[in-house]
Structures are given as structure tokens and as C-alpha cells.
Amino acid sequence: QVQLVESGGGSVQSGGSLRLSCAASGSISSRYTMAWYRQAPGKQRELVATITSGPNTRYGDSVKGRFTISRDNAENTVYLQMNSLKSEDTAVYYCNVFRPGWGSAYDYWGKGTQVTVSS
């Protein structure tokens, strides 16, 4: 079992920055991929960014050049630095850890943290 706890959400004005953190505990390994997703009201959950053990990173088109994902394997923590925030970034942000190829057998989610960007 893996437990994920997100923090760092809040309210910020357009153009501002926030840094989200997700601390993992339990059966966690640096070999696993960690990710951030978000879900705005009335919309489907969408990928924000992923980071592998490589670490290789991948970003959703809407956040490229503004958000940066990183991880600290010693602390089992993944971060999301969000700069130049826009009102459309308003959503609940979820941390995810999974083992590629294992499907639901190793796929864990945090409870989410709210990010609100006002124009």
C-alpha cells in the first residue's frame, strides 16, 4: 500500500506561482513513475505532468513552459512548480504514483489539493 499526501495548494492571482508537494509513504520505490493530474469543475481529469525514475518528464500541452515537475527520491516526494498561473489552471490537483505495466495493481492517488487562480 502507498499513501500520498498533497500540500501547497491555495489561492493566487493570475501570473503568480505556487509549488505543490506530494509526500509518499508505504511501499514506494524510486523506480516508479509519479505524476500530477488535475480536474476542474465539470471537466474530465487531465494529465499535468509525469516524471519517471530516469528521470524523464512529460507535460500536458496547456502547462508546457510554465510548470516544472521534479522528485526527491530520498524523501519520496514529488513537486510541481507552477509559474505564470492562469485562471484556467484552477482545479483540484491530484498526485499519482504507478508502476508502468502493472495497471491497477500498483496505481495510487492522493486526495487532492485545491488551486484557485483569480484574474
N, C-alpha and C. Protein backbone atom coordinates (compact mmCIF):
# COMPACT_ATOMS: atom_id res chain seq x y z
N GLN A 1 0.84 -1.19 0.00
CA GLN A 1 0.00 0.00 0.00
C GLN A 1 0.87 1.24 0.00
N VAL A 2 0.36 2.29 -0.64
CA VAL A 2 1.06 3.56 -0.72
C VAL A 2 0.08 4.65 -0.30
N GLN A 3 0.56 5.56 0.52
CA GLN A 3 -0.25 6.72 0.90
C GLN A 3 0.39 7.96 0.31
N LEU A 4 -0.45 8.83 -0.26
CA LEU A 4 0.02 10.07 -0.88
C LEU A 4 -0.69 11.25 -0.23
N VAL A 5 0.08 12.24 0.15
CA VAL A 5 -0.49 13.43 0.79
C VAL A 5 0.01 14.66 0.05
N GLU A 6 -0.93 15.37 -0.59
CA GLU A 6 -0.59 16.60 -1.31
C GLU A 6 -0.66 17.79 -0.37
N SER A 7 0.14 18.81 -0.69
CA SER A 7 0.09 20.08 0.04
C SER A 7 0.57 21.19 -0.88
N GLY A 8 0.33 22.43 -0.46
CA GLY A 8 0.82 23.57 -1.21
C GLY A 8 -0.22 24.28 -2.05
N GLY A 9 -1.42 23.75 -2.09
CA GLY A 9 -2.46 24.43 -2.84
C GLY A 9 -2.90 25.71 -2.16
N GLY A 10 -3.71 26.49 -2.87
CA GLY A 10 -4.20 27.72 -2.30
C GLY A 10 -4.74 28.64 -3.37
N SER A 11 -4.89 29.89 -3.00
CA SER A 11 -5.41 30.90 -3.91
C SER A 11 -4.31 31.86 -4.29
N VAL A 12 -4.26 32.22 -5.57
CA VAL A 12 -3.23 33.11 -6.08
C VAL A 12 -3.81 33.91 -7.23
N GLN A 13 -3.25 35.06 -7.46
CA GLN A 13 -3.70 35.88 -8.58
C GLN A 13 -3.04 35.42 -9.88
N SER A 14 -3.70 35.73 -10.96
CA SER A 14 -3.17 35.39 -12.27
C SER A 14 -1.75 35.95 -12.42
N GLY A 15 -0.86 35.11 -12.98
CA GLY A 15 0.54 35.48 -13.12
C GLY A 15 1.41 35.05 -11.96
N GLY A 16 0.79 34.61 -10.89
CA GLY A 16 1.53 34.20 -9.71
C GLY A 16 2.05 32.77 -9.80
N SER A 17 2.62 32.31 -8.69
CA SER A 17 3.24 30.99 -8.63
C SER A 17 2.80 30.24 -7.39
N LEU A 18 2.80 28.93 -7.51
CA LEU A 18 2.59 28.03 -6.38
C LEU A 18 3.48 26.82 -6.56
N ARG A 19 3.82 26.18 -5.45
CA ARG A 19 4.58 24.94 -5.50
C ARG A 19 3.82 23.86 -4.73
N LEU A 20 3.43 22.83 -5.43
CA LEU A 20 2.73 21.71 -4.82
C LEU A 20 3.74 20.63 -4.43
N SER A 21 3.44 19.95 -3.34
CA SER A 21 4.26 18.83 -2.89
C SER A 21 3.36 17.62 -2.69
N CYS A 22 3.94 16.45 -2.88
CA CYS A 22 3.23 15.20 -2.64
C CYS A 22 4.20 14.24 -1.97
N ALA A 23 3.91 13.93 -0.73
CA ALA A 23 4.76 13.02 0.02
C ALA A 23 4.17 11.61 -0.01
N ALA A 24 4.99 10.66 -0.39
CA ALA A 24 4.56 9.27 -0.49
C ALA A 24 5.13 8.45 0.65
N SER A 25 4.34 7.55 1.16
CA SER A 25 4.80 6.64 2.20
C SER A 25 4.25 5.25 1.94
N GLY A 26 4.87 4.25 2.55
CA GLY A 26 4.44 2.88 2.33
C GLY A 26 5.38 2.16 1.37
N SER A 27 4.82 1.32 0.54
CA SER A 27 5.62 0.50 -0.39
C SER A 27 5.98 1.31 -1.63
N ILE A 28 6.87 2.29 -1.43
CA ILE A 28 7.23 3.19 -2.52
C ILE A 28 8.67 2.94 -2.92
N SER A 29 8.93 3.15 -4.18
CA SER A 29 10.27 2.97 -4.71
C SER A 29 10.57 4.05 -5.71
N SER A 30 11.82 4.42 -5.82
CA SER A 30 12.21 5.43 -6.80
C SER A 30 12.04 4.93 -8.23
N ARG A 31 11.81 3.61 -8.41
CA ARG A 31 11.64 3.06 -9.75
C ARG A 31 10.28 3.42 -10.35
N TYR A 32 9.38 3.88 -9.53
CA TYR A 32 8.04 4.11 -10.01
C TYR A 32 7.87 5.50 -10.60
N THR A 33 6.89 5.63 -11.46
CA THR A 33 6.57 6.91 -12.06
C THR A 33 5.62 7.69 -11.17
N MET A 34 5.87 8.97 -11.05
CA MET A 34 4.99 9.83 -10.28
C MET A 34 4.41 10.89 -11.20
N ALA A 35 3.23 11.36 -10.88
CA ALA A 35 2.54 12.26 -11.79
C ALA A 35 1.61 13.20 -11.03
N TRP A 36 1.28 14.26 -11.72
CA TRP A 36 0.24 15.19 -11.26
C TRP A 36 -0.86 15.24 -12.32
N TYR A 37 -2.09 15.17 -11.84
CA TYR A 37 -3.26 15.36 -12.67
C TYR A 37 -4.08 16.49 -12.06
N ARG A 38 -5.04 16.98 -12.82
CA ARG A 38 -5.95 17.99 -12.28
C ARG A 38 -7.33 17.79 -12.85
N GLN A 39 -8.30 18.28 -12.08
CA GLN A 39 -9.69 18.20 -12.53
C GLN A 39 -10.42 19.48 -12.14
N ALA A 40 -10.88 20.16 -13.16
CA ALA A 40 -11.67 21.38 -12.94
C ALA A 40 -13.15 21.00 -12.89
N PRO A 41 -13.97 21.85 -12.27
CA PRO A 41 -15.40 21.55 -12.17
C PRO A 41 -16.03 21.31 -13.53
N GLY A 42 -16.74 20.20 -13.68
CA GLY A 42 -17.43 19.91 -14.92
C GLY A 42 -16.54 19.37 -16.02
N LYS A 43 -15.27 19.15 -15.72
CA LYS A 43 -14.34 18.66 -16.73
C LYS A 43 -13.73 17.33 -16.31
N GLN A 44 -13.19 16.63 -17.29
CA GLN A 44 -12.52 15.36 -17.00
C GLN A 44 -11.15 15.62 -16.38
N ARG A 45 -10.68 14.63 -15.65
CA ARG A 45 -9.33 14.71 -15.09
C ARG A 45 -8.32 14.69 -16.23
N GLU A 46 -7.33 15.57 -16.17
CA GLU A 46 -6.34 15.65 -17.23
C GLU A 46 -4.93 15.55 -16.66
N LEU A 47 -4.04 15.04 -17.50
CA LEU A 47 -2.65 14.92 -17.11
C LEU A 47 -1.99 16.30 -17.08
N VAL A 48 -1.26 16.56 -16.01
CA VAL A 48 -0.47 17.78 -15.92
C VAL A 48 0.99 17.48 -16.25
N ALA A 49 1.57 16.51 -15.54
CA ALA A 49 2.98 16.17 -15.76
C ALA A 49 3.29 14.81 -15.15
N THR A 50 4.28 14.15 -15.73
CA THR A 50 4.78 12.90 -15.17
C THR A 50 6.29 12.95 -15.08
N ILE A 51 6.84 12.14 -14.17
CA ILE A 51 8.28 12.03 -14.03
C ILE A 51 8.61 10.58 -13.70
N THR A 52 9.50 10.01 -14.50
CA THR A 52 9.90 8.63 -14.29
C THR A 52 11.10 8.57 -13.36
N SER A 53 11.59 7.38 -13.19
CA SER A 53 12.78 7.20 -12.35
C SER A 53 14.04 7.68 -13.06
N GLY A 54 13.93 7.98 -14.37
CA GLY A 54 15.07 8.32 -15.22
C GLY A 54 15.97 9.43 -14.72
N PRO A 55 15.51 10.64 -14.38
CA PRO A 55 14.10 11.00 -14.51
C PRO A 55 13.79 11.64 -15.87
N ASN A 56 12.79 11.12 -16.51
CA ASN A 56 12.29 11.73 -17.73
C ASN A 56 10.95 12.38 -17.40
N THR A 57 10.70 13.52 -18.01
CA THR A 57 9.48 14.25 -17.71
C THR A 57 8.62 14.42 -18.96
N ARG A 58 7.34 14.56 -18.70
CA ARG A 58 6.38 14.81 -19.78
C ARG A 58 5.31 15.75 -19.24
N TYR A 59 4.86 16.68 -20.10
CA TYR A 59 3.90 17.69 -19.68
C TYR A 59 2.69 17.73 -20.59
N GLY A 60 1.57 18.11 -20.00
CA GLY A 60 0.40 18.40 -20.80
C GLY A 60 0.64 19.66 -21.60
N ASP A 61 0.02 19.75 -22.77
CA ASP A 61 0.27 20.88 -23.66
C ASP A 61 -0.06 22.21 -23.00
N SER A 62 -1.07 22.24 -22.16
CA SER A 62 -1.52 23.51 -21.59
C SER A 62 -0.58 24.06 -20.52
N VAL A 63 0.36 23.26 -20.04
CA VAL A 63 1.24 23.73 -18.98
C VAL A 63 2.72 23.78 -19.40
N LYS A 64 3.01 23.33 -20.60
CA LYS A 64 4.41 23.32 -21.06
C LYS A 64 5.01 24.73 -20.99
N GLY A 65 6.21 24.79 -20.45
CA GLY A 65 6.91 26.06 -20.34
C GLY A 65 6.55 26.87 -19.11
N ARG A 66 5.50 26.43 -18.39
CA ARG A 66 5.09 27.16 -17.18
C ARG A 66 5.24 26.32 -15.91
N PHE A 67 5.03 25.02 -16.04
CA PHE A 67 5.10 24.13 -14.88
C PHE A 67 6.34 23.25 -14.98
N THR A 68 6.88 22.89 -13.82
CA THR A 68 8.04 22.00 -13.75
C THR A 68 7.81 20.94 -12.69
N ILE A 69 7.94 19.69 -13.09
CA ILE A 69 7.81 18.57 -12.14
C ILE A 69 9.20 18.09 -11.75
N SER A 70 9.35 17.75 -10.49
CA SER A 70 10.63 17.22 -10.01
C SER A 70 10.35 16.23 -8.89
N ARG A 71 11.37 15.46 -8.52
CA ARG A 71 11.17 14.49 -7.45
C ARG A 71 12.43 14.40 -6.61
N ASP A 72 12.21 14.07 -5.35
CA ASP A 72 13.29 13.83 -4.40
C ASP A 72 13.13 12.38 -3.93
N ASN A 73 13.92 11.49 -4.48
CA ASN A 73 13.76 10.07 -4.17
C ASN A 73 14.10 9.77 -2.71
N ALA A 74 15.02 10.51 -2.15
CA ALA A 74 15.39 10.28 -0.76
C ALA A 74 14.22 10.58 0.18
N GLU A 75 13.40 11.55 -0.22
CA GLU A 75 12.26 11.95 0.60
C GLU A 75 10.94 11.37 0.07
N ASN A 76 11.00 10.60 -1.03
CA ASN A 76 9.78 10.05 -1.64
C ASN A 76 8.74 11.15 -1.88
N THR A 77 9.20 12.23 -2.44
CA THR A 77 8.34 13.39 -2.65
C THR A 77 8.44 13.86 -4.09
N VAL A 78 7.30 14.23 -4.65
CA VAL A 78 7.25 14.82 -5.98
C VAL A 78 6.72 16.24 -5.84
N TYR A 79 7.27 17.13 -6.64
CA TYR A 79 6.90 18.54 -6.58
C TYR A 79 6.34 18.99 -7.94
N LEU A 80 5.55 20.04 -7.89
CA LEU A 80 5.08 20.69 -9.10
C LEU A 80 5.21 22.20 -8.89
N GLN A 81 6.19 22.78 -9.56
CA GLN A 81 6.35 24.23 -9.53
C GLN A 81 5.50 24.83 -10.63
N MET A 82 4.58 25.68 -10.25
CA MET A 82 3.64 26.28 -11.21
C MET A 82 3.88 27.78 -11.28
N ASN A 83 4.30 28.24 -12.43
CA ASN A 83 4.56 29.66 -12.65
C ASN A 83 3.59 30.21 -13.69
N SER A 84 3.49 31.52 -13.74
CA SER A 84 2.63 32.19 -14.72
C SER A 84 1.23 31.59 -14.72
N LEU A 85 0.68 31.44 -13.55
CA LEU A 85 -0.62 30.79 -13.42
C LEU A 85 -1.72 31.60 -14.09
N LYS A 86 -2.68 30.86 -14.66
CA LYS A 86 -3.81 31.45 -15.34
C LYS A 86 -5.10 30.97 -14.67
N SER A 87 -6.18 31.68 -14.92
CA SER A 87 -7.45 31.30 -14.31
C SER A 87 -7.85 29.88 -14.73
N GLU A 88 -7.49 29.49 -15.94
CA GLU A 88 -7.84 28.15 -16.41
C GLU A 88 -7.03 27.04 -15.73
N ASP A 89 -6.06 27.41 -14.90
CA ASP A 89 -5.33 26.41 -14.11
C ASP A 89 -6.09 26.05 -12.83
N THR A 90 -7.16 26.76 -12.56
CA THR A 90 -7.97 26.47 -11.37
C THR A 90 -8.53 25.06 -11.44
N ALA A 91 -8.23 24.27 -10.42
CA ALA A 91 -8.65 22.87 -10.41
C ALA A 91 -8.21 22.23 -9.09
N VAL A 92 -8.68 21.02 -8.88
CA VAL A 92 -8.12 20.18 -7.82
C VAL A 92 -6.97 19.40 -8.43
N TYR A 93 -5.81 19.46 -7.80
CA TYR A 93 -4.62 18.79 -8.32
C TYR A 93 -4.38 17.51 -7.51
N TYR A 94 -4.19 16.42 -8.24
CA TYR A 94 -4.03 15.10 -7.62
C TYR A 94 -2.64 14.54 -7.93
N CYS A 95 -2.07 13.94 -6.92
CA CYS A 95 -0.80 13.23 -7.07
C CYS A 95 -1.10 11.76 -7.38
N ASN A 96 -0.28 11.18 -8.22
CA ASN A 96 -0.47 9.78 -8.63
C ASN A 96 0.90 9.10 -8.68
N VAL A 97 0.95 7.87 -8.22
CA VAL A 97 2.16 7.06 -8.38
C VAL A 97 1.75 5.72 -8.97
N PHE A 98 2.49 5.26 -9.95
CA PHE A 98 2.15 3.99 -10.56
C PHE A 98 3.40 3.29 -11.07
N ARG A 99 3.23 2.00 -11.27
CA ARG A 99 4.32 1.21 -11.82
C ARG A 99 3.94 0.84 -13.24
N PRO A 100 4.65 1.35 -14.23
CA PRO A 100 4.29 1.07 -15.63
C PRO A 100 4.14 -0.41 -15.90
N GLY A 101 3.03 -0.77 -16.54
CA GLY A 101 2.79 -2.16 -16.90
C GLY A 101 2.04 -2.95 -15.84
N TRP A 102 1.86 -2.39 -14.66
CA TRP A 102 1.18 -3.11 -13.58
C TRP A 102 -0.30 -2.78 -13.50
N GLY A 103 -0.77 -1.78 -14.24
CA GLY A 103 -2.18 -1.42 -14.21
C GLY A 103 -2.65 -1.06 -12.82
N SER A 104 -3.84 -1.51 -12.47
CA SER A 104 -4.43 -1.16 -11.19
C SER A 104 -3.74 -1.85 -10.01
N ALA A 105 -2.88 -2.80 -10.28
CA ALA A 105 -2.19 -3.49 -9.19
C ALA A 105 -1.24 -2.56 -8.45
N TYR A 106 -0.78 -1.53 -9.13
CA TYR A 106 0.06 -0.53 -8.46
C TYR A 106 -0.26 0.83 -9.07
N ASP A 107 -1.29 1.45 -8.52
CA ASP A 107 -1.77 2.73 -9.04
C ASP A 107 -2.47 3.44 -7.88
N TYR A 108 -1.81 4.43 -7.33
CA TYR A 108 -2.32 5.08 -6.13
C TYR A 108 -2.52 6.59 -6.36
N TRP A 109 -3.52 7.14 -5.66
CA TRP A 109 -3.88 8.54 -5.81
C TRP A 109 -3.98 9.23 -4.45
N GLY A 110 -3.61 10.50 -4.43
CA GLY A 110 -3.86 11.31 -3.26
C GLY A 110 -5.28 11.85 -3.27
N LYS A 111 -5.63 12.58 -2.22
CA LYS A 111 -6.99 13.11 -2.11
C LYS A 111 -7.16 14.44 -2.81
N GLY A 112 -6.06 15.06 -3.21
CA GLY A 112 -6.12 16.29 -3.98
C GLY A 112 -5.92 17.54 -3.15
N THR A 113 -5.48 18.58 -3.83
CA THR A 113 -5.33 19.89 -3.21
C THR A 113 -5.86 20.94 -4.17
N GLN A 114 -6.62 21.88 -3.64
CA GLN A 114 -7.30 22.88 -4.48
C GLN A 114 -6.34 24.01 -4.85
N VAL A 115 -6.33 24.35 -6.12
CA VAL A 115 -5.61 25.53 -6.61
C VAL A 115 -6.63 26.45 -7.27
N THR A 116 -6.67 27.68 -6.82
CA THR A 116 -7.60 28.66 -7.35
C THR A 116 -6.82 29.87 -7.83
N VAL A 117 -6.98 30.21 -9.10
CA VAL A 117 -6.28 31.35 -9.70
C VAL A 117 -7.32 32.39 -10.08
N SER A 118 -7.19 33.56 -9.53
CA SER A 118 -8.16 34.63 -9.81
C SER A 118 -7.55 35.64 -10.77
N SER A 119 -8.39 36.14 -11.66
CA SER A 119 -7.90 37.10 -12.66
C SER A 119 -8.04 38.52 -12.16
